[in-house]
Amino acid sequence: MIHYKIFKPGAFEVYYGSMKSGKTKALLDRVEQLTYTNHNVLVFKPEVDTRDGFLKSRNSANEYSCIYVNERLPESIFDHVKENTSVVAIDEIQFFSKNIAQVVEALQRRNINIIAAGLNTDFRGEPFGAMGHLLALANESYALAGVCDVSNCNMVATRTQRLIDGKPAQYDSPIILIEGSGKEVYETRCLHHHDVPGKPE
C-alpha cells in the first residue's frame, strides 16, 4: 500500500473493525515502514490490556515495545512525547476515555502523525467508547473485516461476539472484559450470527 511509506505530519489515521480483522497488523505494518525512514515513533496501549508487554498481532511475527498509559487519563501520553517525536501509534484506542479525542487533536497541532487501531463497536454491536468521535476526526480511516467464526459460514464479519461459558453474553454485561481474564472468549461474527440476548429491539 503506497500510503504506508509516507510520513504525514498532523494526520490522524485509524484502522478499525471487529476482532481478527487485522487492525493491529495494519498498525504494525504502518509503524514498521515509518521506522525505516528514521522517524521517532512512540507506541502506546491502555493499561487495561495487559495481555502482553509489547505490541503484536495475531498473525504477524513483528512486535514492538510499547508504553502503557492509564486509559482513564489519556493526557498522560504527553508525559512521554518529546520535541523529536514525529509519530504516535495507539493500539486498542477504543478503551480510552472520551478525552482521547482532545489528546489526538493536540498531537495533530504539533504536526505529529497519529496512527490508531481499535474496535469500532463493542460486543453489543454499538459504538465503542469514543470511537464514533475519533472516526469523525480521522483524516484517513480504513474499515477492516474478518471472516465469521461460525462453522461453515465464511461470511464477512464486522461484529465481535462475546461468549461466556460458551454462551452469548447478555446485553447488560460489562462493556470491557479482556479476553483471557476469565471464562469469556471472543469471536468475530457476521451480522446474521451476532447474538446479544436482552438487546433492545
N, C-alpha and C. Protein backbone atom coordinates (compact mmCIF):
# COMPACT_ATOMS: atom_id res chain seq x y z
N MET A 1 0.85 -1.19 0.00
CA MET A 1 0.00 0.00 0.00
C MET A 1 0.89 1.24 0.00
N ILE A 2 0.70 2.10 -0.96
CA ILE A 2 1.58 3.25 -1.14
C ILE A 2 1.59 4.16 0.08
N HIS A 3 0.42 4.36 0.71
CA HIS A 3 0.35 5.32 1.81
C HIS A 3 1.21 4.90 2.99
N TYR A 4 1.61 3.63 3.08
CA TYR A 4 2.43 3.16 4.19
C TYR A 4 3.77 3.88 4.25
N LYS A 5 4.30 4.30 3.11
CA LYS A 5 5.66 4.81 3.05
C LYS A 5 5.74 6.31 3.27
N ILE A 6 4.62 6.94 3.55
CA ILE A 6 4.59 8.40 3.62
C ILE A 6 4.37 8.87 5.04
N PHE A 7 5.25 9.75 5.52
CA PHE A 7 5.04 10.41 6.81
C PHE A 7 4.08 11.57 6.59
N LYS A 8 3.06 11.65 7.44
CA LYS A 8 2.01 12.65 7.25
C LYS A 8 1.89 13.51 8.50
N PRO A 9 2.63 14.62 8.57
CA PRO A 9 2.58 15.47 9.77
C PRO A 9 1.17 16.01 10.02
N GLY A 10 0.70 15.81 11.25
CA GLY A 10 -0.62 16.32 11.63
C GLY A 10 -1.78 15.46 11.21
N ALA A 11 -1.51 14.33 10.57
CA ALA A 11 -2.60 13.47 10.10
C ALA A 11 -2.98 12.45 11.18
N PHE A 12 -4.26 12.10 11.21
CA PHE A 12 -4.77 11.09 12.12
C PHE A 12 -5.36 9.96 11.30
N GLU A 13 -4.74 8.78 11.39
CA GLU A 13 -5.14 7.61 10.61
C GLU A 13 -5.70 6.55 11.56
N VAL A 14 -6.82 5.96 11.19
CA VAL A 14 -7.45 4.97 12.05
C VAL A 14 -7.76 3.70 11.25
N TYR A 15 -7.35 2.56 11.81
CA TYR A 15 -7.72 1.24 11.29
C TYR A 15 -8.74 0.66 12.26
N TYR A 16 -9.91 0.33 11.75
CA TYR A 16 -10.96 -0.12 12.67
C TYR A 16 -11.72 -1.31 12.10
N GLY A 17 -12.34 -2.06 13.01
CA GLY A 17 -13.12 -3.22 12.60
C GLY A 17 -13.31 -4.16 13.77
N SER A 18 -13.81 -5.34 13.48
CA SER A 18 -14.06 -6.35 14.52
C SER A 18 -12.76 -6.99 14.96
N MET A 19 -12.83 -7.88 15.93
CA MET A 19 -11.69 -8.70 16.28
C MET A 19 -11.27 -9.54 15.07
N LYS A 20 -10.01 -9.88 15.01
CA LYS A 20 -9.46 -10.72 13.94
C LYS A 20 -9.63 -10.12 12.55
N SER A 21 -9.69 -8.80 12.49
CA SER A 21 -9.83 -8.15 11.19
C SER A 21 -8.50 -7.60 10.67
N GLY A 22 -7.44 -7.73 11.46
CA GLY A 22 -6.13 -7.27 11.01
C GLY A 22 -5.80 -5.84 11.39
N LYS A 23 -6.50 -5.28 12.37
CA LYS A 23 -6.27 -3.88 12.76
C LYS A 23 -4.85 -3.66 13.29
N THR A 24 -4.45 -4.51 14.24
CA THR A 24 -3.13 -4.33 14.84
C THR A 24 -2.02 -4.60 13.83
N LYS A 25 -2.21 -5.59 12.98
CA LYS A 25 -1.21 -5.86 11.94
C LYS A 25 -1.05 -4.67 11.01
N ALA A 26 -2.17 -4.03 10.64
CA ALA A 26 -2.10 -2.86 9.78
C ALA A 26 -1.34 -1.73 10.47
N LEU A 27 -1.60 -1.55 11.77
CA LEU A 27 -0.89 -0.52 12.52
C LEU A 27 0.61 -0.84 12.58
N LEU A 28 0.94 -2.11 12.85
CA LEU A 28 2.34 -2.51 12.92
C LEU A 28 3.06 -2.33 11.58
N ASP A 29 2.38 -2.68 10.49
CA ASP A 29 2.97 -2.50 9.17
C ASP A 29 3.25 -1.03 8.90
N ARG A 30 2.31 -0.18 9.29
CA ARG A 30 2.47 1.26 9.10
C ARG A 30 3.65 1.78 9.92
N VAL A 31 3.72 1.35 11.18
CA VAL A 31 4.82 1.78 12.05
C VAL A 31 6.16 1.30 11.51
N GLU A 32 6.21 0.05 11.06
CA GLU A 32 7.46 -0.51 10.55
C GLU A 32 7.99 0.29 9.37
N GLN A 33 7.12 0.66 8.46
CA GLN A 33 7.56 1.43 7.30
C GLN A 33 8.10 2.79 7.72
N LEU A 34 7.48 3.42 8.72
CA LEU A 34 7.94 4.74 9.16
C LEU A 34 9.25 4.66 9.92
N THR A 35 9.50 3.55 10.63
CA THR A 35 10.78 3.41 11.33
C THR A 35 11.93 3.27 10.34
N TYR A 36 11.64 2.76 9.14
CA TYR A 36 12.68 2.67 8.12
C TYR A 36 13.15 4.06 7.69
N THR A 37 12.29 5.05 7.85
CA THR A 37 12.64 6.41 7.43
C THR A 37 13.15 7.24 8.60
N ASN A 38 13.52 6.56 9.69
CA ASN A 38 14.17 7.19 10.84
C ASN A 38 13.28 8.19 11.59
N HIS A 39 11.99 7.97 11.57
CA HIS A 39 11.11 8.80 12.38
C HIS A 39 11.08 8.26 13.80
N ASN A 40 10.96 9.20 14.74
CA ASN A 40 10.89 8.82 16.16
C ASN A 40 9.45 8.42 16.47
N VAL A 41 9.22 7.12 16.69
CA VAL A 41 7.88 6.57 16.86
C VAL A 41 7.67 6.13 18.30
N LEU A 42 6.55 6.53 18.89
CA LEU A 42 6.14 6.05 20.21
C LEU A 42 4.87 5.21 20.04
N VAL A 43 4.85 4.04 20.68
CA VAL A 43 3.69 3.14 20.59
C VAL A 43 3.04 3.03 21.97
N PHE A 44 1.73 3.25 22.02
CA PHE A 44 1.01 3.25 23.29
C PHE A 44 -0.09 2.19 23.30
N LYS A 45 -0.36 1.68 24.50
CA LYS A 45 -1.50 0.80 24.74
C LYS A 45 -2.14 1.19 26.06
N PRO A 46 -3.44 0.96 26.21
CA PRO A 46 -4.10 1.24 27.51
C PRO A 46 -3.70 0.20 28.55
N GLU A 47 -3.63 0.62 29.79
CA GLU A 47 -3.22 -0.29 30.86
C GLU A 47 -4.18 -1.46 31.03
N VAL A 48 -5.43 -1.27 30.68
CA VAL A 48 -6.42 -2.33 30.87
C VAL A 48 -6.08 -3.57 30.04
N ASP A 49 -5.36 -3.40 28.95
CA ASP A 49 -4.98 -4.52 28.10
C ASP A 49 -3.56 -4.95 28.45
N THR A 50 -3.45 -5.87 29.39
CA THR A 50 -2.13 -6.29 29.88
C THR A 50 -1.77 -7.70 29.41
N ARG A 51 -2.33 -8.12 28.28
CA ARG A 51 -2.06 -9.48 27.80
C ARG A 51 -0.61 -9.67 27.41
N ASP A 52 0.05 -8.61 26.94
CA ASP A 52 1.44 -8.70 26.52
C ASP A 52 2.17 -7.45 26.99
N GLY A 53 3.49 -7.55 27.09
CA GLY A 53 4.29 -6.39 27.43
C GLY A 53 4.78 -5.66 26.20
N PHE A 54 4.23 -6.03 25.06
CA PHE A 54 4.64 -5.43 23.80
C PHE A 54 3.45 -5.50 22.85
N LEU A 55 3.59 -4.85 21.73
CA LEU A 55 2.51 -4.82 20.74
C LEU A 55 2.80 -5.84 19.65
N LYS A 56 1.86 -6.74 19.43
CA LYS A 56 1.98 -7.71 18.36
C LYS A 56 0.59 -8.06 17.87
N SER A 57 0.51 -8.60 16.65
CA SER A 57 -0.78 -9.00 16.10
C SER A 57 -0.91 -10.51 16.19
N ARG A 58 -2.12 -11.00 15.91
CA ARG A 58 -2.37 -12.44 15.98
C ARG A 58 -1.62 -13.21 14.90
N ASN A 59 -1.40 -12.56 13.76
CA ASN A 59 -0.84 -13.30 12.62
C ASN A 59 0.42 -12.65 12.06
N SER A 60 1.22 -12.06 12.95
CA SER A 60 2.47 -11.44 12.49
C SER A 60 3.56 -11.70 13.51
N ALA A 61 4.78 -11.91 13.01
CA ALA A 61 5.91 -12.13 13.90
C ALA A 61 6.45 -10.80 14.44
N ASN A 62 6.04 -9.69 13.83
CA ASN A 62 6.54 -8.39 14.25
C ASN A 62 5.99 -8.02 15.62
N GLU A 63 6.82 -7.39 16.42
CA GLU A 63 6.37 -6.88 17.71
C GLU A 63 7.19 -5.66 18.08
N TYR A 64 6.57 -4.76 18.84
CA TYR A 64 7.22 -3.52 19.26
C TYR A 64 7.00 -3.32 20.74
N SER A 65 8.02 -2.80 21.40
CA SER A 65 7.82 -2.42 22.80
C SER A 65 6.85 -1.26 22.83
N CYS A 66 6.06 -1.20 23.88
CA CYS A 66 5.05 -0.15 23.94
C CYS A 66 5.00 0.46 25.34
N ILE A 67 4.38 1.59 25.41
CA ILE A 67 4.22 2.32 26.66
C ILE A 67 2.77 2.16 27.11
N TYR A 68 2.56 1.68 28.32
CA TYR A 68 1.21 1.56 28.85
C TYR A 68 0.81 2.85 29.55
N VAL A 69 -0.39 3.33 29.24
CA VAL A 69 -0.90 4.52 29.91
C VAL A 69 -2.30 4.23 30.45
N ASN A 70 -2.65 4.93 31.51
CA ASN A 70 -3.95 4.77 32.14
C ASN A 70 -5.03 5.21 31.15
N GLU A 71 -5.93 4.29 30.80
CA GLU A 71 -6.98 4.61 29.82
C GLU A 71 -7.91 5.70 30.30
N ARG A 72 -7.99 5.92 31.62
CA ARG A 72 -8.85 6.97 32.15
C ARG A 72 -8.15 8.33 32.10
N LEU A 73 -6.84 8.31 31.85
CA LEU A 73 -6.05 9.55 31.80
C LEU A 73 -5.23 9.58 30.51
N PRO A 74 -5.89 9.65 29.37
CA PRO A 74 -5.15 9.62 28.10
C PRO A 74 -4.18 10.78 27.93
N GLU A 75 -4.41 11.87 28.66
CA GLU A 75 -3.49 13.01 28.56
C GLU A 75 -2.10 12.67 29.09
N SER A 76 -1.97 11.55 29.82
CA SER A 76 -0.64 11.14 30.29
C SER A 76 0.26 10.71 29.13
N ILE A 77 -0.30 10.57 27.95
CA ILE A 77 0.52 10.33 26.76
C ILE A 77 1.55 11.44 26.59
N PHE A 78 1.15 12.67 26.95
CA PHE A 78 2.06 13.81 26.78
C PHE A 78 3.29 13.72 27.68
N ASP A 79 3.24 12.90 28.73
CA ASP A 79 4.41 12.73 29.59
C ASP A 79 5.56 12.06 28.85
N HIS A 80 5.24 11.39 27.74
CA HIS A 80 6.25 10.62 27.00
C HIS A 80 6.63 11.26 25.67
N VAL A 81 5.82 12.19 25.20
CA VAL A 81 6.07 12.82 23.90
C VAL A 81 7.16 13.89 24.04
N LYS A 82 8.18 13.79 23.20
CA LYS A 82 9.30 14.74 23.24
C LYS A 82 9.26 15.63 21.99
N GLU A 83 10.20 16.58 21.96
CA GLU A 83 10.26 17.50 20.82
C GLU A 83 10.53 16.79 19.52
N ASN A 84 11.27 15.68 19.59
CA ASN A 84 11.63 14.97 18.36
C ASN A 84 10.66 13.84 18.02
N THR A 85 9.58 13.71 18.78
CA THR A 85 8.58 12.69 18.47
C THR A 85 7.81 13.11 17.23
N SER A 86 7.80 12.25 16.23
CA SER A 86 7.09 12.61 14.99
C SER A 86 5.90 11.70 14.73
N VAL A 87 5.88 10.51 15.36
CA VAL A 87 4.79 9.56 15.14
C VAL A 87 4.33 8.99 16.48
N VAL A 88 3.01 8.99 16.69
CA VAL A 88 2.41 8.35 17.86
C VAL A 88 1.44 7.29 17.36
N ALA A 89 1.67 6.04 17.78
CA ALA A 89 0.78 4.94 17.42
C ALA A 89 0.04 4.48 18.67
N ILE A 90 -1.27 4.27 18.54
CA ILE A 90 -2.09 3.87 19.69
C ILE A 90 -2.92 2.66 19.31
N ASP A 91 -2.67 1.55 19.98
CA ASP A 91 -3.46 0.34 19.75
C ASP A 91 -4.59 0.27 20.78
N GLU A 92 -5.67 -0.42 20.43
CA GLU A 92 -6.83 -0.57 21.31
C GLU A 92 -7.33 0.79 21.80
N ILE A 93 -7.41 1.73 20.89
CA ILE A 93 -7.75 3.11 21.26
C ILE A 93 -9.18 3.22 21.80
N GLN A 94 -10.02 2.23 21.51
CA GLN A 94 -11.41 2.28 21.98
C GLN A 94 -11.52 2.23 23.50
N PHE A 95 -10.48 1.73 24.18
CA PHE A 95 -10.53 1.60 25.63
C PHE A 95 -10.34 2.92 26.36
N PHE A 96 -9.82 3.93 25.66
CA PHE A 96 -9.54 5.20 26.33
C PHE A 96 -10.80 6.02 26.57
N SER A 97 -10.75 6.86 27.59
CA SER A 97 -11.87 7.74 27.90
C SER A 97 -12.07 8.74 26.77
N LYS A 98 -13.18 9.45 26.82
CA LYS A 98 -13.53 10.37 25.74
C LYS A 98 -12.49 11.47 25.54
N ASN A 99 -11.66 11.74 26.56
CA ASN A 99 -10.64 12.78 26.44
C ASN A 99 -9.56 12.42 25.41
N ILE A 100 -9.54 11.19 24.95
CA ILE A 100 -8.56 10.81 23.95
C ILE A 100 -8.72 11.64 22.67
N ALA A 101 -9.93 12.09 22.41
CA ALA A 101 -10.17 12.92 21.22
C ALA A 101 -9.41 14.25 21.32
N GLN A 102 -9.43 14.85 22.51
CA GLN A 102 -8.69 16.11 22.71
C GLN A 102 -7.18 15.87 22.62
N VAL A 103 -6.73 14.72 23.11
CA VAL A 103 -5.31 14.38 23.02
C VAL A 103 -4.89 14.26 21.56
N VAL A 104 -5.71 13.59 20.77
CA VAL A 104 -5.40 13.43 19.34
C VAL A 104 -5.30 14.79 18.66
N GLU A 105 -6.25 15.67 18.92
CA GLU A 105 -6.23 16.99 18.29
C GLU A 105 -4.99 17.78 18.70
N ALA A 106 -4.62 17.68 19.98
CA ALA A 106 -3.43 18.40 20.45
C ALA A 106 -2.17 17.86 19.78
N LEU A 107 -2.10 16.55 19.59
CA LEU A 107 -0.95 15.97 18.89
C LEU A 107 -0.91 16.42 17.43
N GLN A 108 -2.09 16.51 16.81
CA GLN A 108 -2.14 16.99 15.43
C GLN A 108 -1.60 18.40 15.32
N ARG A 109 -1.92 19.24 16.30
CA ARG A 109 -1.46 20.63 16.27
C ARG A 109 0.06 20.71 16.40
N ARG A 110 0.66 19.66 16.90
CA ARG A 110 2.13 19.60 16.99
C ARG A 110 2.73 18.97 15.72
N ASN A 111 1.90 18.75 14.73
CA ASN A 111 2.33 18.12 13.48
C ASN A 111 2.84 16.70 13.67
N ILE A 112 2.30 16.01 14.66
CA ILE A 112 2.63 14.61 14.87
C ILE A 112 1.66 13.74 14.07
N ASN A 113 2.18 12.73 13.44
CA ASN A 113 1.36 11.78 12.69
C ASN A 113 0.84 10.73 13.68
N ILE A 114 -0.49 10.68 13.87
CA ILE A 114 -1.09 9.73 14.80
C ILE A 114 -1.70 8.58 14.02
N ILE A 115 -1.37 7.36 14.45
CA ILE A 115 -1.89 6.15 13.81
C ILE A 115 -2.55 5.32 14.90
N ALA A 116 -3.79 4.94 14.71
CA ALA A 116 -4.53 4.23 15.75
C ALA A 116 -5.23 3.01 15.18
N ALA A 117 -5.48 2.05 16.07
CA ALA A 117 -6.24 0.86 15.72
C ALA A 117 -7.22 0.58 16.85
N GLY A 118 -8.44 0.14 16.48
CA GLY A 118 -9.40 -0.16 17.53
C GLY A 118 -10.69 -0.76 17.01
N LEU A 119 -11.44 -1.30 17.94
CA LEU A 119 -12.78 -1.82 17.65
C LEU A 119 -13.74 -0.65 17.50
N ASN A 120 -14.47 -0.60 16.42
CA ASN A 120 -15.44 0.49 16.27
C ASN A 120 -16.74 0.21 17.02
N THR A 121 -17.05 -1.09 17.26
CA THR A 121 -18.23 -1.43 18.03
C THR A 121 -17.87 -2.39 19.15
N ASP A 122 -18.65 -2.36 20.23
CA ASP A 122 -18.41 -3.26 21.35
C ASP A 122 -19.13 -4.59 21.11
N PHE A 123 -19.13 -5.47 22.11
CA PHE A 123 -19.73 -6.79 21.93
C PHE A 123 -21.23 -6.72 21.68
N ARG A 124 -21.83 -5.58 22.02
CA ARG A 124 -23.27 -5.40 21.80
C ARG A 124 -23.59 -4.93 20.38
N GLY A 125 -22.54 -4.58 19.64
CA GLY A 125 -22.75 -4.05 18.30
C GLY A 125 -23.01 -2.56 18.29
N GLU A 126 -22.66 -1.87 19.38
CA GLU A 126 -22.87 -0.43 19.50
C GLU A 126 -21.53 0.29 19.51
N PRO A 127 -21.51 1.60 19.17
CA PRO A 127 -20.24 2.33 19.12
C PRO A 127 -19.45 2.16 20.42
N PHE A 128 -18.17 1.88 20.29
CA PHE A 128 -17.31 1.58 21.43
C PHE A 128 -16.63 2.85 21.92
N GLY A 129 -17.01 3.29 23.12
CA GLY A 129 -16.36 4.44 23.74
C GLY A 129 -16.37 5.67 22.85
N ALA A 130 -15.19 6.24 22.66
CA ALA A 130 -15.05 7.47 21.87
C ALA A 130 -14.83 7.20 20.39
N MET A 131 -15.00 5.95 19.94
CA MET A 131 -14.65 5.63 18.55
C MET A 131 -15.45 6.43 17.53
N GLY A 132 -16.72 6.70 17.82
CA GLY A 132 -17.50 7.49 16.89
C GLY A 132 -16.89 8.87 16.68
N HIS A 133 -16.49 9.51 17.76
CA HIS A 133 -15.86 10.83 17.70
C HIS A 133 -14.51 10.75 17.00
N LEU A 134 -13.73 9.73 17.32
CA LEU A 134 -12.41 9.58 16.72
C LEU A 134 -12.48 9.37 15.22
N LEU A 135 -13.44 8.56 14.78
CA LEU A 135 -13.57 8.33 13.34
C LEU A 135 -14.02 9.60 12.63
N ALA A 136 -14.79 10.44 13.33
CA ALA A 136 -15.19 11.72 12.73
C ALA A 136 -13.99 12.65 12.58
N LEU A 137 -13.01 12.52 13.49
CA LEU A 137 -11.81 13.37 13.44
C LEU A 137 -10.77 12.88 12.44
N ALA A 138 -10.84 11.61 12.08
CA ALA A 138 -9.78 10.99 11.28
C ALA A 138 -9.64 11.63 9.90
N ASN A 139 -8.39 11.86 9.51
CA ASN A 139 -8.12 12.28 8.14
C ASN A 139 -8.26 11.10 7.19
N GLU A 140 -7.88 9.92 7.69
CA GLU A 140 -7.99 8.70 6.90
C GLU A 140 -8.48 7.59 7.81
N SER A 141 -9.48 6.84 7.36
CA SER A 141 -9.98 5.71 8.14
C SER A 141 -10.11 4.51 7.22
N TYR A 142 -9.74 3.36 7.76
CA TYR A 142 -9.71 2.13 6.98
C TYR A 142 -10.55 1.07 7.68
N ALA A 143 -11.69 0.73 7.08
CA ALA A 143 -12.58 -0.28 7.65
C ALA A 143 -12.06 -1.67 7.28
N LEU A 144 -11.82 -2.48 8.29
CA LEU A 144 -11.32 -3.84 8.08
C LEU A 144 -12.37 -4.84 8.58
N ALA A 145 -12.36 -6.02 8.01
CA ALA A 145 -13.33 -7.04 8.40
C ALA A 145 -12.64 -8.39 8.48
N GLY A 146 -13.25 -9.28 9.26
CA GLY A 146 -12.74 -10.64 9.37
C GLY A 146 -13.65 -11.61 8.65
N VAL A 147 -13.53 -12.88 9.01
CA VAL A 147 -14.37 -13.93 8.47
C VAL A 147 -15.13 -14.55 9.64
N CYS A 148 -16.41 -14.74 9.49
CA CYS A 148 -17.25 -15.24 10.56
C CYS A 148 -16.71 -16.56 11.11
N ASP A 149 -16.61 -16.64 12.44
CA ASP A 149 -16.08 -17.83 13.11
C ASP A 149 -17.07 -18.98 13.19
N VAL A 150 -18.33 -18.73 12.88
CA VAL A 150 -19.32 -19.81 12.94
C VAL A 150 -19.01 -20.83 11.85
N SER A 151 -19.02 -22.08 12.22
CA SER A 151 -18.65 -23.16 11.31
C SER A 151 -19.46 -23.11 10.01
N ASN A 152 -18.75 -23.20 8.89
CA ASN A 152 -19.34 -23.24 7.55
C ASN A 152 -20.05 -21.95 7.12
N CYS A 153 -19.81 -20.86 7.84
CA CYS A 153 -20.43 -19.60 7.44
C CYS A 153 -19.55 -18.88 6.40
N ASN A 154 -18.36 -18.45 6.85
CA ASN A 154 -17.39 -17.80 5.96
C ASN A 154 -17.86 -16.48 5.37
N MET A 155 -18.88 -15.87 5.98
CA MET A 155 -19.33 -14.55 5.54
C MET A 155 -18.42 -13.47 6.13
N VAL A 156 -18.50 -12.28 5.54
CA VAL A 156 -17.73 -11.14 6.05
C VAL A 156 -18.20 -10.83 7.47
N ALA A 157 -17.25 -10.71 8.39
CA ALA A 157 -17.58 -10.46 9.79
C ALA A 157 -17.20 -9.05 10.19
N THR A 158 -18.17 -8.32 10.71
CA THR A 158 -17.93 -6.94 11.15
C THR A 158 -18.27 -6.75 12.63
N ARG A 159 -18.68 -7.83 13.30
CA ARG A 159 -19.09 -7.75 14.71
C ARG A 159 -18.20 -8.62 15.59
N THR A 160 -18.10 -8.25 16.85
CA THR A 160 -17.36 -9.02 17.83
C THR A 160 -18.34 -9.68 18.79
N GLN A 161 -18.27 -10.99 18.87
CA GLN A 161 -19.18 -11.76 19.73
C GLN A 161 -18.48 -12.15 21.02
N ARG A 162 -19.08 -11.79 22.16
CA ARG A 162 -18.55 -12.24 23.44
C ARG A 162 -19.30 -13.49 23.88
N LEU A 163 -18.54 -14.50 24.27
CA LEU A 163 -19.11 -15.74 24.78
C LEU A 163 -18.63 -15.95 26.22
N ILE A 164 -19.54 -16.29 27.11
CA ILE A 164 -19.19 -16.61 28.49
C ILE A 164 -19.68 -18.03 28.76
N ASP A 165 -18.73 -18.89 29.09
CA ASP A 165 -19.04 -20.31 29.23
C ASP A 165 -19.70 -20.86 27.97
N GLY A 166 -19.26 -20.35 26.83
CA GLY A 166 -19.75 -20.84 25.55
C GLY A 166 -21.07 -20.25 25.09
N LYS A 167 -21.65 -19.34 25.88
CA LYS A 167 -22.95 -18.76 25.52
C LYS A 167 -22.82 -17.25 25.30
N PRO A 168 -23.64 -16.68 24.40
CA PRO A 168 -23.57 -15.25 24.14
C PRO A 168 -23.78 -14.43 25.41
N ALA A 169 -22.95 -13.42 25.61
CA ALA A 169 -23.07 -12.56 26.78
C ALA A 169 -24.33 -11.72 26.71
N GLN A 170 -24.93 -11.48 27.86
CA GLN A 170 -26.12 -10.65 27.94
C GLN A 170 -25.80 -9.19 27.63
N TYR A 171 -26.78 -8.49 27.14
CA TYR A 171 -26.63 -7.08 26.76
C TYR A 171 -26.12 -6.23 27.92
N ASP A 172 -26.55 -6.53 29.14
CA ASP A 172 -26.18 -5.71 30.29
C ASP A 172 -24.86 -6.14 30.93
N SER A 173 -24.09 -6.99 30.27
CA SER A 173 -22.76 -7.36 30.77
C SER A 173 -21.83 -6.14 30.69
N PRO A 174 -20.76 -6.13 31.50
CA PRO A 174 -19.80 -5.02 31.43
C PRO A 174 -19.26 -4.84 30.02
N ILE A 175 -19.06 -3.60 29.62
CA ILE A 175 -18.56 -3.33 28.27
C ILE A 175 -17.15 -3.88 28.09
N ILE A 176 -16.28 -3.70 29.09
CA ILE A 176 -14.89 -4.09 28.95
C ILE A 176 -14.60 -5.34 29.77
N LEU A 177 -14.28 -6.41 29.08
CA LEU A 177 -13.76 -7.64 29.67
C LEU A 177 -12.68 -8.14 28.72
N ILE A 178 -11.45 -8.18 29.19
CA ILE A 178 -10.34 -8.56 28.33
C ILE A 178 -10.29 -10.07 28.18
N GLU A 179 -10.16 -10.54 26.95
CA GLU A 179 -10.10 -11.97 26.70
C GLU A 179 -8.93 -12.59 27.47
N GLY A 180 -9.23 -13.69 28.16
CA GLY A 180 -8.20 -14.37 28.93
C GLY A 180 -8.23 -14.02 30.40
N SER A 181 -9.05 -13.03 30.79
CA SER A 181 -9.12 -12.63 32.20
C SER A 181 -10.11 -13.48 32.99
N GLY A 182 -10.91 -14.28 32.31
CA GLY A 182 -11.91 -15.11 32.99
C GLY A 182 -12.40 -16.20 32.07
N LYS A 183 -13.71 -16.45 32.08
CA LYS A 183 -14.28 -17.51 31.27
C LYS A 183 -14.82 -16.99 29.93
N GLU A 184 -14.52 -15.72 29.64
CA GLU A 184 -15.02 -15.14 28.41
C GLU A 184 -14.05 -15.37 27.25
N VAL A 185 -14.59 -15.55 26.08
CA VAL A 185 -13.81 -15.61 24.85
C VAL A 185 -14.54 -14.75 23.83
N TYR A 186 -13.83 -14.38 22.79
CA TYR A 186 -14.41 -13.55 21.75
C TYR A 186 -14.26 -14.21 20.39
N GLU A 187 -15.25 -14.02 19.56
CA GLU A 187 -15.21 -14.48 18.19
C GLU A 187 -15.60 -13.33 17.28
N THR A 188 -15.21 -13.44 16.03
CA THR A 188 -15.68 -12.48 15.05
C THR A 188 -16.87 -13.08 14.32
N ARG A 189 -17.91 -12.28 14.15
CA ARG A 189 -19.16 -12.80 13.60
C ARG A 189 -19.72 -11.89 12.51
N CYS A 190 -20.45 -12.49 11.60
CA CYS A 190 -21.23 -11.71 10.64
C CYS A 190 -22.48 -11.21 11.38
N LEU A 191 -23.18 -10.29 10.77
CA LEU A 191 -24.37 -9.72 11.42
C LEU A 191 -25.41 -10.79 11.71
N HIS A 192 -25.56 -11.75 10.82
CA HIS A 192 -26.57 -12.80 10.99
C HIS A 192 -26.30 -13.66 12.23
N HIS A 193 -25.03 -13.91 12.52
CA HIS A 193 -24.68 -14.79 13.64
C HIS A 193 -24.30 -14.04 14.92
N HIS A 194 -24.41 -12.72 14.89
CA HIS A 194 -24.10 -11.93 16.08
C HIS A 194 -25.32 -11.94 16.99
N ASP A 195 -25.15 -12.45 18.22
CA ASP A 195 -26.28 -12.68 19.12
C ASP A 195 -26.02 -11.97 20.45
N VAL A 196 -26.93 -11.09 20.85
CA VAL A 196 -26.81 -10.36 22.12
C VAL A 196 -28.14 -10.46 22.85
N PRO A 197 -28.32 -11.49 23.68
CA PRO A 197 -29.59 -11.65 24.43
C PRO A 197 -29.88 -10.43 25.29
N GLY A 198 -31.13 -9.98 25.26
CA GLY A 198 -31.53 -8.83 26.06
C GLY A 198 -31.35 -7.50 25.39
N LYS A 199 -30.80 -7.48 24.16
CA LYS A 199 -30.60 -6.20 23.48
C LYS A 199 -31.95 -5.62 23.07
N PRO A 200 -32.19 -4.34 23.37
CA PRO A 200 -33.46 -3.72 22.99
C PRO A 200 -33.68 -3.77 21.47
N GLU A 201 -34.90 -4.03 21.09
CA GLU A 201 -35.21 -4.07 19.65
C GLU A 201 -35.29 -2.65 19.11
